[in-house]
Amino acid sequence: MSITKADELREMSEEQLALTLKETCDGYFKLKIQSQTERLGAPSELSKRRRLIARILTIQNERVRAADTVKA
């Protein structure tokens, strides 16, 4: 899985963003379990996934706030 930049994430639609979030969370969960049961090939992958999840959630929150601002 390639780690996408924030600009690339902002260009995605809501559906694409939600799907990317789900896939990233699933992958993070599997890596977390794997790290507890065996040795990881690239331990830094955990922090990369965690940061990607945070980026996606931040962009989703930005969109919600922007929509609320437009309504007000």
C-alpha atoms as a PDB file:
ATOM      1  CA  MET A   1       0.000   0.000   0.000  1.00  0.00           C
ATOM      2  CA  SER A   2       1.365   3.373  -0.923  1.00  0.00           C
ATOM      3  CA  ILE A   3       1.079   6.174   1.583  1.00  0.00           C
ATOM      4  CA  THR A   4      -0.748   9.098   0.022  1.00  0.00           C
ATOM      5  CA  LYS A   5      -0.104  12.739   0.704  1.00  0.00           C
ATOM      6  CA  ALA A   6      -2.722  15.047   2.152  1.00  0.00           C
ATOM      7  CA  ASP A   7      -3.194  16.808  -1.194  1.00  0.00           C
ATOM      8  CA  GLU A   8      -4.022  13.499  -2.864  1.00  0.00           C
ATOM      9  CA  LEU A   9      -6.462  12.673  -0.079  1.00  0.00           C
ATOM     10  CA  ARG A  10      -8.201  16.043  -0.424  1.00  0.00           C
ATOM     11  CA  GLU A  11      -8.834  15.333  -4.109  1.00  0.00           C
ATOM     12  CA  MET A  12     -10.723  12.126  -3.257  1.00  0.00           C
ATOM     13  CA  SER A  13     -14.492  11.966  -2.978  1.00  0.00           C
ATOM     14  CA  GLU A  14     -16.186  11.167   0.333  1.00  0.00           C
ATOM     15  CA  GLU A  15     -16.745   7.551  -0.748  1.00  0.00           C
ATOM     16  CA  GLN A  16     -13.124   7.079  -1.795  1.00  0.00           C
ATOM     17  CA  LEU A  17     -11.932   8.639   1.450  1.00  0.00           C
ATOM     18  CA  ALA A  18     -14.178   6.394   3.535  1.00  0.00           C
ATOM     19  CA  LEU A  19     -12.995   3.316   1.642  1.00  0.00           C
ATOM     20  CA  THR A  20      -9.345   4.308   2.076  1.00  0.00           C
ATOM     21  CA  LEU A  21      -9.945   4.825   5.793  1.00  0.00           C
ATOM     22  CA  LYS A  22     -11.552   1.404   6.146  1.00  0.00           C
ATOM     23  CA  GLU A  23      -8.738  -0.339   4.260  1.00  0.00           C
ATOM     24  CA  THR A  24      -6.089   1.498   6.264  1.00  0.00           C
ATOM     25  CA  CYS A  25      -7.768   0.683   9.585  1.00  0.00           C
ATOM     26  CA  ASP A  26      -8.058  -2.985   8.607  1.00  0.00           C
ATOM     27  CA  GLY A  27      -4.405  -3.085   7.583  1.00  0.00           C
ATOM     28  CA  TYR A  28      -3.365  -1.318  10.781  1.00  0.00           C
ATOM     29  CA  PHE A  29      -5.312  -3.818  12.879  1.00  0.00           C
ATOM     30  CA  LYS A  30      -3.660  -6.763  11.109  1.00  0.00           C
ATOM     31  CA  LEU A  31      -0.210  -5.232  11.558  1.00  0.00           C
ATOM     32  CA  LYS A  32      -0.909  -4.557  15.233  1.00  0.00           C
ATOM     33  CA  ILE A  33      -1.907  -8.185  15.814  1.00  0.00           C
ATOM     34  CA  GLN A  34       1.084  -9.395  13.808  1.00  0.00           C
ATOM     35  CA  SER A  35       3.431  -7.203  15.857  1.00  0.00           C
ATOM     36  CA  GLN A  36       2.179  -8.829  19.047  1.00  0.00           C
ATOM     37  CA  THR A  37       2.455 -12.392  17.774  1.00  0.00           C
ATOM     38  CA  GLU A  38       5.590 -12.231  15.635  1.00  0.00           C
ATOM     39  CA  ARG A  39       8.285  -9.928  14.417  1.00  0.00           C
ATOM     40  CA  LEU A  40       7.425  -7.277  11.828  1.00  0.00           C
ATOM     41  CA  GLY A  41       9.562  -6.774   8.749  1.00  0.00           C
ATOM     42  CA  ALA A  42       9.085  -2.992   8.907  1.00  0.00           C
ATOM     43  CA  PRO A  43       7.993  -1.784  12.357  1.00  0.00           C
ATOM     44  CA  SER A  44       7.756   1.786  11.051  1.00  0.00           C
ATOM     45  CA  GLU A  45       4.732   0.695   9.001  1.00  0.00           C
ATOM     46  CA  LEU A  46       2.590   0.892  12.164  1.00  0.00           C
ATOM     47  CA  SER A  47       3.300   4.586  12.669  1.00  0.00           C
ATOM     48  CA  LYS A  48       2.860   5.295   8.948  1.00  0.00           C
ATOM     49  CA  ARG A  49      -0.597   3.711   9.003  1.00  0.00           C
ATOM     50  CA  ARG A  50      -1.530   5.556  12.191  1.00  0.00           C
ATOM     51  CA  ARG A  51      -0.527   8.874  10.608  1.00  0.00           C
ATOM     52  CA  LEU A  52      -2.487   8.103   7.447  1.00  0.00           C
ATOM     53  CA  ILE A  53      -5.582   7.353   9.541  1.00  0.00           C
ATOM     54  CA  ALA A  54      -5.120  10.689  11.322  1.00  0.00           C
ATOM     55  CA  ARG A  55      -4.750  12.522   7.986  1.00  0.00           C
ATOM     56  CA  ILE A  56      -7.942  11.006   6.625  1.00  0.00           C
ATOM     57  CA  LEU A  57      -9.918  11.792   9.781  1.00  0.00           C
ATOM     58  CA  THR A  58      -8.598  15.365   9.743  1.00  0.00           C
ATOM     59  CA  ILE A  59      -9.688  15.880   6.144  1.00  0.00           C
ATOM     60  CA  GLN A  60     -13.130  14.420   6.882  1.00  0.00           C
ATOM     61  CA  ASN A  61     -13.493  16.782   9.856  1.00  0.00           C
ATOM     62  CA  GLU A  62     -12.403  19.743   7.714  1.00  0.00           C
ATOM     63  CA  ARG A  63     -15.124  18.911   5.199  1.00  0.00           C
ATOM     64  CA  VAL A  64     -17.776  18.620   7.906  1.00  0.00           C
ATOM     65  CA  ARG A  65     -16.771  21.968   9.386  1.00  0.00           C
ATOM     66  CA  ALA A  66     -16.765  23.606   5.962  1.00  0.00           C
ATOM     67  CA  ALA A  67     -20.264  22.259   5.300  1.00  0.00           C
ATOM     68  CA  ASP A  68     -21.445  23.576   8.689  1.00  0.00           C
ATOM     69  CA  THR A  69     -19.987  26.993   7.915  1.00  0.00           C
ATOM     70  CA  VAL A  70     -21.832  27.136   4.607  1.00  0.00           C
ATOM     71  CA  LYS A  71     -25.131  26.228   6.313  1.00  0.00           C
ATOM     72  CA  ALA A  72     -24.758  28.951   8.942  1.00  0.00           C
END
